[in-house]
N, C-alpha and C. Protein backbone atom coordinates (compact mmCIF):
# COMPACT_ATOMS: atom_id res chain seq x y z
N LEU A 1 1.36 19.98 -6.60
CA LEU A 1 2.05 18.95 -7.35
C LEU A 1 2.17 19.34 -8.82
N GLY A 2 1.14 20.00 -9.35
CA GLY A 2 1.17 20.44 -10.75
C GLY A 2 2.21 21.52 -10.99
N ILE A 3 2.40 22.39 -10.00
CA ILE A 3 3.41 23.45 -10.11
C ILE A 3 4.81 22.85 -10.15
N LEU A 4 5.04 21.82 -9.31
CA LEU A 4 6.34 21.16 -9.30
C LEU A 4 6.64 20.49 -10.64
N ALA A 5 5.65 19.86 -11.23
CA ALA A 5 5.85 19.23 -12.54
C ALA A 5 6.14 20.28 -13.60
N GLY A 6 5.45 21.41 -13.53
CA GLY A 6 5.71 22.50 -14.46
C GLY A 6 7.11 23.06 -14.30
N LEU A 7 7.55 23.20 -13.05
CA LEU A 7 8.91 23.69 -12.78
C LEU A 7 9.96 22.73 -13.33
N ARG A 8 9.75 21.43 -13.13
CA ARG A 8 10.68 20.43 -13.67
C ARG A 8 10.73 20.50 -15.18
N LEU A 9 9.58 20.70 -15.81
CA LEU A 9 9.54 20.81 -17.27
C LEU A 9 10.31 22.03 -17.74
N ILE A 10 10.14 23.17 -17.07
CA ILE A 10 10.85 24.40 -17.44
C ILE A 10 12.35 24.22 -17.25
N VAL A 11 12.76 23.65 -16.12
CA VAL A 11 14.18 23.42 -15.85
C VAL A 11 14.75 22.46 -16.88
N GLY A 12 13.99 21.44 -17.22
CA GLY A 12 14.44 20.48 -18.23
C GLY A 12 14.60 21.14 -19.59
N MET A 13 13.66 22.02 -19.96
CA MET A 13 13.76 22.72 -21.25
C MET A 13 14.95 23.66 -21.26
N ASN A 14 15.18 24.36 -20.13
CA ASN A 14 16.33 25.24 -20.04
C ASN A 14 17.64 24.46 -20.13
N THR A 15 17.67 23.28 -19.52
CA THR A 15 18.87 22.44 -19.59
C THR A 15 19.12 22.00 -21.02
N VAL A 16 18.08 21.59 -21.71
CA VAL A 16 18.23 21.17 -23.11
C VAL A 16 18.70 22.34 -23.96
N LYS A 17 18.14 23.51 -23.73
CA LYS A 17 18.55 24.70 -24.49
C LYS A 17 20.01 25.05 -24.20
N ALA A 18 20.41 24.97 -22.93
CA ALA A 18 21.80 25.26 -22.57
C ALA A 18 22.75 24.24 -23.19
N MET A 19 22.35 22.98 -23.21
CA MET A 19 23.19 21.93 -23.83
C MET A 19 23.32 22.17 -25.32
N LYS A 20 22.21 22.55 -25.98
CA LYS A 20 22.24 22.83 -27.41
C LYS A 20 23.19 24.00 -27.70
N ASN A 21 23.09 25.06 -26.89
CA ASN A 21 23.97 26.22 -27.08
C ASN A 21 25.43 25.85 -26.86
N ALA A 22 25.71 25.00 -25.87
CA ALA A 22 27.08 24.58 -25.60
C ALA A 22 27.63 23.76 -26.77
N ILE A 23 26.83 22.88 -27.34
CA ILE A 23 27.26 22.06 -28.47
C ILE A 23 27.52 22.94 -29.69
N VAL A 24 26.62 23.90 -29.94
CA VAL A 24 26.81 24.82 -31.07
C VAL A 24 28.11 25.60 -30.89
N CYS A 25 28.37 26.07 -29.67
CA CYS A 25 29.62 26.82 -29.41
C CYS A 25 30.84 25.95 -29.67
N LEU A 26 30.81 24.71 -29.23
CA LEU A 26 31.96 23.82 -29.44
C LEU A 26 32.19 23.53 -30.92
N ILE A 27 31.09 23.44 -31.68
CA ILE A 27 31.22 23.19 -33.12
C ILE A 27 31.78 24.43 -33.82
N LEU A 28 31.34 25.61 -33.39
CA LEU A 28 31.74 26.85 -34.06
C LEU A 28 33.13 27.35 -33.67
N LEU A 29 33.64 26.96 -32.51
CA LEU A 29 34.91 27.51 -32.03
C LEU A 29 36.08 27.36 -33.01
N PRO A 30 36.30 26.19 -33.62
CA PRO A 30 37.44 26.11 -34.55
C PRO A 30 37.33 27.07 -35.73
N ARG A 31 36.14 27.18 -36.33
CA ARG A 31 35.96 28.11 -37.45
C ARG A 31 36.13 29.55 -37.00
N PHE A 32 35.60 29.86 -35.82
CA PHE A 32 35.70 31.21 -35.29
C PHE A 32 37.16 31.59 -35.03
N PHE A 33 37.90 30.69 -34.38
CA PHE A 33 39.31 30.98 -34.10
C PHE A 33 40.11 31.14 -35.38
N LEU A 34 39.82 30.35 -36.38
CA LEU A 34 40.51 30.49 -37.66
C LEU A 34 40.22 31.85 -38.28
N ALA A 35 38.96 32.29 -38.25
CA ALA A 35 38.61 33.61 -38.79
C ALA A 35 39.26 34.72 -37.98
N ALA A 36 39.31 34.58 -36.65
CA ALA A 36 39.94 35.60 -35.81
C ALA A 36 41.44 35.67 -36.09
N ILE A 37 42.08 34.53 -36.28
CA ILE A 37 43.51 34.52 -36.60
C ILE A 37 43.76 35.17 -37.96
N MET A 38 42.87 34.90 -38.91
CA MET A 38 43.02 35.53 -40.23
C MET A 38 42.86 37.05 -40.13
N LEU A 39 41.90 37.51 -39.33
CA LEU A 39 41.74 38.96 -39.13
C LEU A 39 42.99 39.57 -38.50
N TRP A 40 43.52 38.88 -37.49
CA TRP A 40 44.73 39.38 -36.84
C TRP A 40 45.89 39.42 -37.83
N PHE A 41 46.04 38.34 -38.63
CA PHE A 41 47.14 38.29 -39.59
C PHE A 41 47.01 39.39 -40.64
N LEU A 42 45.79 39.58 -41.16
CA LEU A 42 45.59 40.64 -42.15
C LEU A 42 45.86 42.01 -41.54
N ASP A 43 45.40 42.21 -40.32
CA ASP A 43 45.64 43.47 -39.64
C ASP A 43 47.14 43.69 -39.43
N PHE A 44 47.83 42.68 -38.95
CA PHE A 44 49.27 42.77 -38.72
C PHE A 44 50.01 43.01 -40.02
N HIS A 45 49.61 42.31 -41.07
CA HIS A 45 50.24 42.47 -42.38
C HIS A 45 50.04 43.89 -42.92
N CYS A 46 48.83 44.40 -42.82
CA CYS A 46 48.55 45.76 -43.30
C CYS A 46 49.32 46.80 -42.48
N VAL A 47 49.39 46.60 -41.17
CA VAL A 47 50.14 47.53 -40.33
C VAL A 47 51.61 47.51 -40.72
N ARG A 48 52.15 46.32 -40.94
CA ARG A 48 53.56 46.22 -41.33
C ARG A 48 53.81 46.92 -42.66
N LYS A 49 52.88 46.76 -43.60
CA LYS A 49 53.07 47.37 -44.93
C LYS A 49 52.93 48.88 -44.89
N ARG A 50 52.03 49.39 -44.02
CA ARG A 50 51.78 50.84 -43.99
C ARG A 50 52.68 51.58 -43.01
N VAL A 51 52.87 51.01 -41.84
CA VAL A 51 53.50 51.76 -40.77
C VAL A 51 55.03 51.68 -40.81
N PHE A 52 55.56 50.48 -40.92
CA PHE A 52 57.01 50.33 -40.84
C PHE A 52 57.76 51.11 -41.91
N PRO A 53 57.33 51.08 -43.18
CA PRO A 53 58.04 51.92 -44.15
C PRO A 53 57.93 53.42 -43.84
N LYS A 54 56.77 53.87 -43.35
CA LYS A 54 56.61 55.28 -43.00
C LYS A 54 57.50 55.67 -41.82
N MET A 55 57.65 54.74 -40.86
CA MET A 55 58.50 55.03 -39.72
C MET A 55 59.96 55.17 -40.16
N LYS A 56 60.37 54.34 -41.11
CA LYS A 56 61.74 54.44 -41.62
C LYS A 56 61.95 55.76 -42.35
N GLU A 57 60.93 56.19 -43.11
CA GLU A 57 61.03 57.46 -43.83
C GLU A 57 61.09 58.64 -42.86
N GLN A 58 60.37 58.54 -41.74
CA GLN A 58 60.25 59.66 -40.80
C GLN A 58 61.40 59.74 -39.81
N GLU A 59 62.28 58.77 -39.79
CA GLU A 59 63.38 58.81 -38.83
C GLU A 59 64.23 60.07 -38.98
N GLY A 60 64.47 60.49 -40.22
CA GLY A 60 65.29 61.67 -40.44
C GLY A 60 64.49 62.95 -40.44
N ASN A 61 63.17 62.89 -40.51
CA ASN A 61 62.32 64.07 -40.63
C ASN A 61 61.58 64.30 -39.30
N ILE A 62 62.00 65.25 -38.51
CA ILE A 62 61.44 65.49 -37.19
C ILE A 62 60.15 66.31 -37.26
N VAL A 63 59.89 67.03 -38.36
CA VAL A 63 58.73 67.90 -38.48
C VAL A 63 57.42 67.09 -38.51
N ASP A 64 57.40 65.95 -39.19
CA ASP A 64 56.18 65.14 -39.29
C ASP A 64 55.87 64.46 -37.96
N PRO A 65 54.60 64.39 -37.60
CA PRO A 65 54.23 63.69 -36.36
C PRO A 65 54.39 62.18 -36.56
N PRO A 66 54.54 61.42 -35.48
CA PRO A 66 54.67 59.97 -35.62
C PRO A 66 53.37 59.35 -36.12
N VAL A 67 53.48 58.21 -36.76
CA VAL A 67 52.32 57.50 -37.29
C VAL A 67 51.51 56.95 -36.13
N CYS A 68 50.21 57.14 -36.19
CA CYS A 68 49.32 56.68 -35.12
C CYS A 68 48.33 55.67 -35.69
N ILE A 69 48.23 54.54 -35.04
CA ILE A 69 47.26 53.52 -35.45
C ILE A 69 46.18 53.49 -34.39
N SER A 70 44.94 53.78 -34.79
CA SER A 70 43.84 53.80 -33.83
C SER A 70 42.97 52.56 -34.03
N GLU A 71 42.04 52.36 -33.11
CA GLU A 71 41.11 51.24 -33.21
C GLU A 71 40.16 51.39 -34.40
N SER A 72 39.97 52.60 -34.89
CA SER A 72 39.02 52.80 -35.97
C SER A 72 39.53 52.27 -37.31
N ASN A 73 40.83 52.12 -37.47
CA ASN A 73 41.35 51.61 -38.73
C ASN A 73 41.99 50.23 -38.58
N ARG A 74 41.54 49.47 -37.60
CA ARG A 74 42.04 48.11 -37.38
C ARG A 74 40.97 47.11 -37.78
N MET A 75 41.39 45.98 -38.34
CA MET A 75 40.45 44.91 -38.66
C MET A 75 40.23 44.00 -37.46
N PHE A 76 41.25 43.84 -36.63
CA PHE A 76 41.17 42.96 -35.47
C PHE A 76 40.77 43.79 -34.25
N SER A 77 39.49 44.07 -34.13
CA SER A 77 38.97 44.83 -33.00
C SER A 77 37.87 44.01 -32.32
N TRP A 78 37.47 44.45 -31.17
CA TRP A 78 36.42 43.74 -30.42
C TRP A 78 35.13 43.68 -31.23
N GLU A 79 34.78 44.77 -31.92
CA GLU A 79 33.55 44.80 -32.72
C GLU A 79 33.63 43.80 -33.88
N SER A 80 34.78 43.72 -34.53
CA SER A 80 34.90 42.79 -35.66
C SER A 80 34.86 41.34 -35.18
N ILE A 81 35.45 41.06 -34.02
CA ILE A 81 35.42 39.70 -33.47
C ILE A 81 33.98 39.32 -33.12
N LYS A 82 33.22 40.24 -32.52
CA LYS A 82 31.82 39.96 -32.21
C LYS A 82 31.02 39.72 -33.49
N ALA A 83 31.29 40.51 -34.52
CA ALA A 83 30.58 40.34 -35.79
C ALA A 83 30.90 39.00 -36.43
N VAL A 84 32.15 38.58 -36.36
CA VAL A 84 32.53 37.27 -36.91
C VAL A 84 31.82 36.15 -36.17
N TRP A 85 31.79 36.21 -34.83
CA TRP A 85 31.11 35.18 -34.05
C TRP A 85 29.62 35.14 -34.39
N HIS A 86 28.99 36.31 -34.46
CA HIS A 86 27.56 36.39 -34.76
C HIS A 86 27.29 35.84 -36.17
N GLY A 87 28.14 36.17 -37.12
CA GLY A 87 27.97 35.66 -38.49
C GLY A 87 28.09 34.16 -38.57
N HIS A 88 29.08 33.60 -37.87
CA HIS A 88 29.24 32.14 -37.86
C HIS A 88 28.05 31.46 -37.21
N LYS A 89 27.55 32.06 -36.14
CA LYS A 89 26.40 31.47 -35.45
C LYS A 89 25.16 31.51 -36.33
N LEU A 90 24.90 32.64 -36.98
CA LEU A 90 23.74 32.74 -37.87
C LEU A 90 23.85 31.77 -39.04
N ASP A 91 25.04 31.65 -39.59
CA ASP A 91 25.25 30.74 -40.72
C ASP A 91 25.00 29.29 -40.30
N PHE A 92 25.45 28.92 -39.11
CA PHE A 92 25.28 27.55 -38.64
C PHE A 92 23.82 27.22 -38.33
N LEU A 93 23.09 28.18 -37.77
CA LEU A 93 21.72 27.92 -37.32
C LEU A 93 20.65 28.18 -38.37
N LYS A 94 21.03 28.61 -39.57
CA LYS A 94 20.01 28.86 -40.59
C LYS A 94 19.35 27.55 -41.03
N SER A 95 18.15 27.66 -41.53
CA SER A 95 17.41 26.45 -41.88
C SER A 95 17.66 26.00 -43.32
N ALA A 96 18.14 26.87 -44.17
CA ALA A 96 18.42 26.51 -45.56
C ALA A 96 19.92 26.28 -45.74
N HIS A 97 20.27 25.12 -46.28
CA HIS A 97 21.67 24.78 -46.52
C HIS A 97 21.81 24.26 -47.95
N LEU A 98 22.90 24.60 -48.58
CA LEU A 98 23.18 24.20 -49.96
C LEU A 98 23.23 22.67 -50.05
N GLY A 99 22.49 22.13 -51.00
CA GLY A 99 22.50 20.69 -51.23
C GLY A 99 21.45 19.93 -50.44
N TYR A 100 20.72 20.59 -49.56
CA TYR A 100 19.69 19.93 -48.76
C TYR A 100 18.31 20.37 -49.25
N VAL A 101 17.28 19.72 -48.75
CA VAL A 101 15.91 20.04 -49.11
C VAL A 101 15.58 21.46 -48.61
N ALA A 102 14.89 22.21 -49.46
CA ALA A 102 14.52 23.59 -49.09
C ALA A 102 13.50 23.56 -47.96
N PRO A 103 13.59 24.52 -47.04
CA PRO A 103 12.58 24.59 -45.97
C PRO A 103 11.22 24.96 -46.55
N ASN A 104 10.19 24.34 -46.04
CA ASN A 104 8.83 24.58 -46.51
C ASN A 104 8.13 25.51 -45.54
N THR A 105 8.48 26.77 -45.60
CA THR A 105 8.00 27.78 -44.66
C THR A 105 6.54 28.12 -44.91
N GLU A 106 5.85 28.47 -43.83
CA GLU A 106 4.45 28.88 -43.94
C GLU A 106 4.37 30.32 -44.42
N VAL A 107 3.45 30.59 -45.36
CA VAL A 107 3.23 31.94 -45.87
C VAL A 107 1.74 32.27 -45.76
N VAL A 108 1.43 33.55 -45.72
CA VAL A 108 0.04 34.00 -45.60
C VAL A 108 -0.33 34.75 -46.87
N GLN A 109 -1.45 34.35 -47.49
CA GLN A 109 -1.94 35.05 -48.67
C GLN A 109 -2.55 36.38 -48.24
N LEU A 110 -2.25 37.42 -49.00
CA LEU A 110 -2.73 38.75 -48.62
C LEU A 110 -4.23 38.92 -48.83
N ARG A 111 -4.78 38.31 -49.89
CA ARG A 111 -6.18 38.58 -50.19
C ARG A 111 -7.15 37.98 -49.18
N ASP A 112 -6.89 36.77 -48.66
CA ASP A 112 -7.84 36.17 -47.73
C ASP A 112 -7.21 35.70 -46.41
N GLN A 113 -5.96 36.07 -46.16
CA GLN A 113 -5.26 35.74 -44.92
C GLN A 113 -5.18 34.23 -44.65
N ARG A 114 -5.21 33.44 -45.72
CA ARG A 114 -5.13 31.99 -45.59
C ARG A 114 -3.67 31.56 -45.53
N CYS A 115 -3.35 30.59 -44.67
CA CYS A 115 -1.98 30.10 -44.53
C CYS A 115 -1.74 28.91 -45.45
N ASN A 116 -0.64 28.95 -46.16
CA ASN A 116 -0.18 27.84 -47.00
C ASN A 116 1.30 27.64 -46.77
N ARG A 117 1.86 26.64 -47.40
CA ARG A 117 3.30 26.40 -47.39
C ARG A 117 3.87 26.81 -48.75
N ILE A 118 5.13 27.26 -48.76
CA ILE A 118 5.74 27.74 -50.02
C ILE A 118 5.70 26.67 -51.09
N LEU A 119 6.05 25.45 -50.73
CA LEU A 119 6.13 24.39 -51.74
C LEU A 119 4.76 23.95 -52.25
N ASP A 120 3.66 24.44 -51.64
CA ASP A 120 2.32 24.16 -52.16
C ASP A 120 2.11 24.86 -53.50
N TYR A 121 2.88 25.90 -53.78
CA TYR A 121 2.73 26.65 -55.02
C TYR A 121 3.55 26.06 -56.16
N ALA A 122 4.38 25.08 -55.90
CA ALA A 122 5.17 24.43 -56.95
C ALA A 122 4.25 23.50 -57.74
N LYS A 123 4.38 23.54 -59.06
CA LYS A 123 3.54 22.71 -59.92
C LYS A 123 4.41 21.87 -60.84
N ASP A 124 4.16 20.58 -60.86
CA ASP A 124 4.87 19.62 -61.72
C ASP A 124 6.37 19.84 -61.71
N LYS A 125 6.94 20.02 -62.90
CA LYS A 125 8.39 20.19 -63.00
C LYS A 125 8.79 21.63 -63.24
N ARG A 126 7.85 22.56 -63.07
CA ARG A 126 8.16 23.98 -63.24
C ARG A 126 8.90 24.49 -62.01
N PRO A 127 9.93 25.31 -62.21
CA PRO A 127 10.64 25.85 -61.05
C PRO A 127 9.77 26.87 -60.32
N LEU A 128 9.90 26.91 -59.03
CA LEU A 128 9.20 27.88 -58.20
C LEU A 128 10.14 29.08 -58.00
N ILE A 129 9.67 30.25 -58.41
CA ILE A 129 10.49 31.45 -58.29
C ILE A 129 9.89 32.35 -57.23
N LEU A 130 10.71 32.72 -56.25
CA LEU A 130 10.28 33.62 -55.19
C LEU A 130 10.89 34.99 -55.45
N ASN A 131 10.06 36.00 -55.46
CA ASN A 131 10.53 37.36 -55.68
C ASN A 131 10.30 38.14 -54.38
N PHE A 132 11.40 38.46 -53.69
CA PHE A 132 11.30 39.22 -52.46
C PHE A 132 11.47 40.69 -52.80
N GLY A 133 10.40 41.29 -53.27
CA GLY A 133 10.44 42.68 -53.71
C GLY A 133 10.12 43.64 -52.59
N SER A 134 10.14 44.90 -52.92
CA SER A 134 9.86 45.95 -51.94
C SER A 134 8.45 46.47 -52.16
N CYS A 135 7.81 46.86 -51.09
CA CYS A 135 6.46 47.42 -51.18
C CYS A 135 6.48 48.93 -51.03
N THR A 136 7.62 49.55 -51.13
CA THR A 136 7.69 51.02 -50.95
C THR A 136 7.47 51.73 -52.24
């Protein structure tokens, strides 16, 4: 009986996670499609500006090879579309948003491995400055 309850809990959590992902996708789709259309338009515009005038110039000149447009010099490619979707998803799911309360993330002190929250270091009306430097 305990195994069945655990299974129901796991299925319920997976359902909630799937519903959350579906809602996020529905919210992001309009922004994503707009960005994809802009990429296509920019790509089409650049191709028209570069290729069509060159093709007109080359009509009389048989020695030059024809202009070739490959996937490596296109903005509207499968890789760019995946990157746009991933960027929109990361931006939507981040915990810090402009105009909202800053996230109070847990940090670990190096000297004694004690856990605190970032905002515990803020004092009175002094601004808290975080320096994300390199240790190399």
